[in-house]
């Protein structure tokens, strides 16, 4: 799976998303301009010690992203979509794009890909969810649809044992 952040603005969100990407084996793609520097403490703090293990790629702009991934299946997460994210059929190599915190994905991009726009249901009057929460919600649905391939699906107690 691939998460794409289009011009993210808040470093702590990107750090949290990076940590989620590492935990799920998901690549992170960052489309500039960024609202922060990747070496800021707040990005590293949110990503904790996971940041060094993150598969992250940066792009100067959306055009460069498209040029480098011409055949990619890209889902666009937006509050403006007609389709709910659980109605999408996610493939294991799909890209899920999220926009910047203050404005989302530019409408010029959305109208060109209406059939690929997805939303998280919310109450009327709610503007949006926190970006890192939205990424986690949609990403885990995509991973669930792909049977959590490659992920550990069972846990073990440290000191005790589950009853049989």
Protein backbone atom coordinates (compact mmCIF):
# COMPACT_ATOMS: atom_id res chain seq x y z
CA UNK A 1 0.00 0.00 0.00
CA UNK A 2 0.98 3.61 -0.47
CA UNK A 3 -0.09 6.76 1.38
CA UNK A 4 0.28 10.08 -0.44
CA UNK A 5 0.17 13.38 1.43
CA UNK A 6 -0.45 16.36 -0.84
CA UNK A 7 1.25 19.39 0.72
CA UNK A 8 0.92 18.44 4.40
CA UNK A 9 1.20 21.38 6.79
CA UNK A 10 1.47 20.00 10.33
CA UNK A 11 4.67 18.13 11.18
CA UNK A 12 3.16 16.08 14.01
CA UNK A 13 0.51 14.67 11.67
CA UNK A 14 3.13 13.62 9.14
CA UNK A 15 5.20 12.06 11.93
CA UNK A 16 2.20 10.07 13.18
CA UNK A 17 1.35 8.97 9.64
CA UNK A 18 4.97 7.94 9.09
CA UNK A 19 4.82 5.77 12.20
CA UNK A 20 1.59 4.13 10.97
CA UNK A 21 3.23 3.51 7.61
CA UNK A 22 6.22 1.80 9.21
CA UNK A 23 3.93 -0.38 11.37
CA UNK A 24 1.99 -1.51 8.31
CA UNK A 25 4.75 -1.77 5.70
CA UNK A 26 3.19 1.10 3.77
CA UNK A 27 5.22 3.52 1.67
CA UNK A 28 4.76 7.25 2.32
CA UNK A 29 4.82 9.77 -0.55
CA UNK A 30 5.08 13.49 0.19
CA UNK A 31 4.12 16.06 -2.43
CA UNK A 32 5.69 19.47 -1.84
CA UNK A 33 5.56 22.13 -0.73
CA UNK A 34 5.57 20.86 2.83
CA UNK A 35 4.55 23.19 5.65
CA UNK A 36 7.64 22.16 7.63
CA UNK A 37 11.11 20.67 7.26
CA UNK A 38 11.39 16.89 7.58
CA UNK A 39 14.26 17.28 10.03
CA UNK A 40 12.08 19.21 12.51
CA UNK A 41 11.99 17.70 15.98
CA UNK A 42 8.19 17.51 15.94
CA UNK A 43 8.21 15.19 12.90
CA UNK A 44 10.84 12.95 14.44
CA UNK A 45 9.18 12.99 17.86
CA UNK A 46 5.82 11.91 16.44
CA UNK A 47 7.45 9.20 14.33
CA UNK A 48 9.65 8.27 17.28
CA UNK A 49 12.40 5.79 16.50
CA UNK A 50 10.43 4.47 13.52
CA UNK A 51 11.31 7.31 11.17
CA UNK A 52 14.61 5.76 10.05
CA UNK A 53 12.70 2.66 8.87
CA UNK A 54 10.16 4.67 6.85
CA UNK A 55 9.99 4.17 3.08
CA UNK A 56 9.42 7.82 2.13
CA UNK A 57 9.62 9.56 -1.25
CA UNK A 58 9.33 13.29 -1.91
CA UNK A 59 8.02 14.98 -5.06
CA UNK A 60 8.41 18.62 -6.07
CA UNK A 61 4.74 18.76 -7.13
CA UNK A 62 1.72 16.67 -8.15
CA UNK A 63 2.87 16.57 -11.79
CA UNK A 64 6.13 14.89 -10.77
CA UNK A 65 4.20 12.34 -8.70
CA UNK A 66 2.02 11.48 -11.72
CA UNK A 67 5.04 11.34 -14.01
CA UNK A 68 6.81 8.85 -11.73
CA UNK A 69 3.67 6.70 -11.22
CA UNK A 70 1.74 6.93 -14.51
CA UNK A 71 -0.18 3.66 -14.07
CA UNK A 72 -0.88 3.92 -10.34
CA UNK A 73 -4.39 3.41 -9.00
CA UNK A 74 -4.88 6.48 -6.80
CA UNK A 75 -7.79 6.91 -4.40
CA UNK A 76 -8.44 10.48 -3.25
CA UNK A 77 -9.73 10.90 0.30
CA UNK A 78 -11.89 14.00 0.57
CA UNK A 79 -14.90 15.27 2.48
CA UNK A 80 -16.34 16.28 -0.90
CA UNK A 81 -16.68 12.72 -2.27
CA UNK A 82 -19.97 10.96 -2.96
CA UNK A 83 -18.56 7.47 -2.29
CA UNK A 84 -17.74 6.00 1.13
CA UNK A 85 -14.24 4.56 1.62
CA UNK A 86 -15.63 1.11 2.53
CA UNK A 87 -17.23 0.91 -0.94
CA UNK A 88 -13.82 1.16 -2.62
CA UNK A 89 -12.08 -2.04 -3.72
CA UNK A 90 -8.48 -1.45 -2.65
CA UNK A 91 -5.68 -3.37 -4.30
CA UNK A 92 -2.41 -4.20 -2.52
CA UNK A 93 -0.40 -1.67 -4.57
CA UNK A 94 -2.96 1.17 -4.53
CA UNK A 95 -2.15 4.74 -3.54
CA UNK A 96 -4.42 6.63 -1.15
CA UNK A 97 -4.01 10.40 -1.31
CA UNK A 98 -4.89 12.90 1.41
CA UNK A 99 -4.73 16.68 1.14
CA UNK A 100 -3.30 19.35 3.37
CA UNK A 101 -4.94 19.97 6.70
CA UNK A 102 -6.33 23.43 5.92
CA UNK A 103 -7.82 22.78 2.47
CA UNK A 104 -7.66 19.13 1.44
CA UNK A 105 -6.81 18.00 -2.07
CA UNK A 106 -7.21 20.78 -4.66
CA UNK A 107 -10.58 20.61 -6.41
CA UNK A 108 -8.86 20.67 -9.82
CA UNK A 109 -7.42 17.24 -8.97
CA UNK A 110 -10.69 15.96 -7.50
CA UNK A 111 -12.89 16.80 -10.50
CA UNK A 112 -10.48 15.01 -12.83
CA UNK A 113 -10.86 11.81 -10.75
CA UNK A 114 -14.42 11.89 -9.41
CA UNK A 115 -14.84 8.09 -9.57
CA UNK A 116 -11.76 7.61 -7.37
CA UNK A 117 -12.81 10.04 -4.63
CA UNK A 118 -13.74 8.50 -1.27
CA UNK A 119 -14.92 9.89 2.04
CA UNK A 120 -15.22 8.93 5.70
CA UNK A 121 -18.82 9.39 6.90
CA UNK A 122 -19.30 12.11 9.53
CA UNK A 123 -22.15 14.09 11.02
CA UNK A 124 -23.35 17.08 9.01
CA UNK A 125 -21.56 20.23 10.10
CA UNK A 126 -18.32 18.42 10.92
CA UNK A 127 -15.58 19.92 8.77
CA UNK A 128 -13.07 17.07 8.88
CA UNK A 129 -11.13 14.58 10.99
CA UNK A 130 -7.52 14.95 12.04
CA UNK A 131 -5.33 13.97 9.08
CA UNK A 132 -3.42 11.20 10.86
CA UNK A 133 -6.70 9.69 12.12
CA UNK A 134 -8.22 9.80 8.64
CA UNK A 135 -5.16 8.08 7.16
CA UNK A 136 -5.33 5.32 9.78
CA UNK A 137 -9.06 4.73 9.20
CA UNK A 138 -8.79 4.38 5.43
CA UNK A 139 -5.45 2.57 5.41
CA UNK A 140 -6.63 -0.13 7.80
CA UNK A 141 -9.74 -0.71 5.68
CA UNK A 142 -7.50 -1.13 2.63
CA UNK A 143 -5.27 -3.52 4.56
CA UNK A 144 -8.31 -5.45 5.85
CA UNK A 145 -9.57 -5.88 2.29
CA UNK A 146 -6.18 -7.36 1.43
CA UNK A 147 -6.35 -9.74 4.41
CA UNK A 148 -3.62 -7.82 6.29
CA UNK A 149 -1.02 -9.45 4.01
CA UNK A 150 2.37 -9.57 5.66
CA UNK A 151 1.14 -8.18 8.98
CA UNK A 152 1.15 -9.96 12.31
CA UNK A 153 -2.48 -10.69 13.14
CA UNK A 154 -2.09 -12.45 16.48
CA UNK A 155 -0.56 -11.17 19.69
CA UNK A 156 0.97 -12.92 22.67
CA UNK A 157 0.84 -12.08 26.36
CA UNK A 158 4.18 -11.25 27.97
CA UNK A 159 3.85 -13.09 31.30
CA UNK A 160 0.61 -15.05 31.18
CA UNK A 161 -1.02 -17.40 28.70
CA UNK A 162 -4.44 -17.31 27.08
CA UNK A 163 -6.83 -19.99 28.31
CA UNK A 164 -7.42 -22.79 25.84
